[in-house]
């Protein structure tokens, strides 16, 4: 009986630890965008005079899009869509801290970048 428990317990613990290791907390600098436009709002902003990236992102979110985060050309899905500071940073460059697993990030902090 002890042998069976040990045989089941050890692989279970290893898988559990590996899962924890995959979700690494990190801080990335990039843009909070929407799932409809993704990495670039250029298509929409070029066709609508005066439309900013922020206004485009907010419009797409209102139309049913989801928040995404774009950093170094990679688009990350955001797991916790109801995180309070996402709307404040929509369409803006921010430093975003969270747990990254594959192409998904669970946000824990959003810090606005200082305007130059």
Protein backbone atom coordinates (compact mmCIF):
# COMPACT_ATOMS: atom_id res chain seq x y z
CA UNK A 1 0.00 0.00 0.00
CA UNK A 2 2.82 2.43 0.87
CA UNK A 3 4.50 1.63 -2.44
CA UNK A 4 1.31 2.46 -4.38
CA UNK A 5 0.87 5.77 -2.53
CA UNK A 6 4.49 6.72 -3.10
CA UNK A 7 4.18 5.82 -6.79
CA UNK A 8 1.17 8.12 -7.16
CA UNK A 9 2.31 10.91 -4.86
CA UNK A 10 5.78 11.60 -6.28
CA UNK A 11 4.70 12.17 -9.92
CA UNK A 12 1.77 14.26 -8.68
CA UNK A 13 4.08 16.52 -6.70
CA UNK A 14 6.48 16.87 -9.63
CA UNK A 15 3.65 17.91 -11.96
CA UNK A 16 2.40 20.38 -9.34
CA UNK A 17 5.81 21.98 -8.93
CA UNK A 18 6.33 22.14 -12.69
CA UNK A 19 2.99 23.96 -13.08
CA UNK A 20 4.01 26.51 -10.46
CA UNK A 21 7.32 27.06 -12.20
CA UNK A 22 5.59 27.77 -15.53
CA UNK A 23 3.57 30.68 -14.10
CA UNK A 24 6.33 33.20 -13.51
CA UNK A 25 5.59 36.66 -12.16
CA UNK A 26 7.16 39.23 -14.43
CA UNK A 27 6.92 42.90 -15.38
CA UNK A 28 6.61 43.79 -19.05
CA UNK A 29 6.36 47.14 -20.81
CA UNK A 30 3.86 47.32 -23.63
CA UNK A 31 0.36 48.42 -24.59
CA UNK A 32 -3.03 47.39 -23.30
CA UNK A 33 -5.07 46.73 -26.41
CA UNK A 34 -8.16 44.79 -27.44
CA UNK A 35 -8.66 41.41 -29.06
CA UNK A 36 -10.25 42.90 -32.18
CA UNK A 37 -7.25 45.09 -33.14
CA UNK A 38 -4.54 43.12 -31.35
CA UNK A 39 -1.06 44.55 -31.89
CA UNK A 40 -2.07 47.49 -34.09
CA UNK A 41 -4.93 49.96 -34.30
CA UNK A 42 -3.52 51.38 -37.57
CA UNK A 43 -6.27 49.97 -39.80
CA UNK A 44 -9.00 51.64 -37.75
CA UNK A 45 -7.22 54.88 -36.87
CA UNK A 46 -6.14 55.55 -40.47
CA UNK A 47 -9.74 55.36 -41.68
CA UNK A 48 -11.18 57.60 -38.96
CA UNK A 49 -9.66 61.05 -38.56
CA UNK A 50 -8.81 61.90 -34.95
CA UNK A 51 -9.33 58.36 -33.63
CA UNK A 52 -6.61 57.56 -31.10
CA UNK A 53 -5.37 54.11 -30.12
CA UNK A 54 -7.05 54.61 -26.74
CA UNK A 55 -10.41 55.57 -28.25
CA UNK A 56 -10.18 52.66 -30.69
CA UNK A 57 -9.40 50.17 -27.91
CA UNK A 58 -12.27 51.44 -25.75
CA UNK A 59 -14.69 51.26 -28.70
CA UNK A 60 -13.62 47.70 -29.54
CA UNK A 61 -13.94 46.67 -25.88
CA UNK A 62 -17.43 48.17 -25.75
CA UNK A 63 -18.29 46.20 -28.92
CA UNK A 64 -17.36 42.91 -27.22
CA UNK A 65 -13.59 42.70 -27.56
CA UNK A 66 -11.42 41.49 -24.70
CA UNK A 67 -8.37 43.14 -23.15
CA UNK A 68 -5.02 41.91 -24.46
CA UNK A 69 -1.49 43.04 -23.71
CA UNK A 70 1.08 43.64 -26.46
CA UNK A 71 4.78 43.52 -25.55
CA UNK A 72 7.74 43.02 -27.90
CA UNK A 73 5.38 42.12 -30.75
CA UNK A 74 3.70 39.33 -28.80
CA UNK A 75 -0.01 39.49 -27.93
CA UNK A 76 -0.90 38.10 -24.49
CA UNK A 77 -4.45 37.21 -23.47
CA UNK A 78 -5.42 38.69 -20.12
CA UNK A 79 -6.99 36.15 -17.78
CA UNK A 80 -8.55 38.57 -15.29
CA UNK A 81 -10.55 40.84 -17.61
CA UNK A 82 -12.17 42.67 -14.69
CA UNK A 83 -8.88 43.99 -13.23
CA UNK A 84 -9.65 47.62 -12.32
CA UNK A 85 -6.68 49.40 -13.95
CA UNK A 86 -7.06 47.79 -17.39
CA UNK A 87 -9.59 50.38 -18.58
CA UNK A 88 -7.42 53.24 -17.30
CA UNK A 89 -4.47 51.95 -19.35
CA UNK A 90 -6.38 50.92 -22.49
CA UNK A 91 -4.53 52.09 -25.59
CA UNK A 92 -1.63 53.38 -23.49
CA UNK A 93 1.93 52.22 -22.87
CA UNK A 94 2.17 50.71 -19.39
CA UNK A 95 4.34 48.53 -17.21
CA UNK A 96 2.24 45.47 -16.45
CA UNK A 97 3.10 42.98 -13.71
CA UNK A 98 1.53 39.54 -13.55
CA UNK A 99 1.86 35.79 -13.78
CA UNK A 100 2.62 34.65 -17.32
CA UNK A 101 1.69 31.16 -18.47
CA UNK A 102 2.26 30.62 -22.17
CA UNK A 103 0.41 33.41 -23.98
CA UNK A 104 -1.81 34.35 -21.03
CA UNK A 105 -1.09 36.82 -18.26
CA UNK A 106 -2.94 37.22 -14.97
CA UNK A 107 -2.48 40.90 -14.11
CA UNK A 108 -1.52 41.98 -10.59
CA UNK A 109 -0.41 45.58 -11.28
CA UNK A 110 -0.63 48.21 -14.02
CA UNK A 111 1.63 51.27 -13.88
CA UNK A 112 1.22 54.05 -16.42
CA UNK A 113 4.40 55.08 -18.22
CA UNK A 114 5.44 58.69 -17.73
CA UNK A 115 4.78 60.92 -20.71
CA UNK A 116 7.93 62.35 -22.29
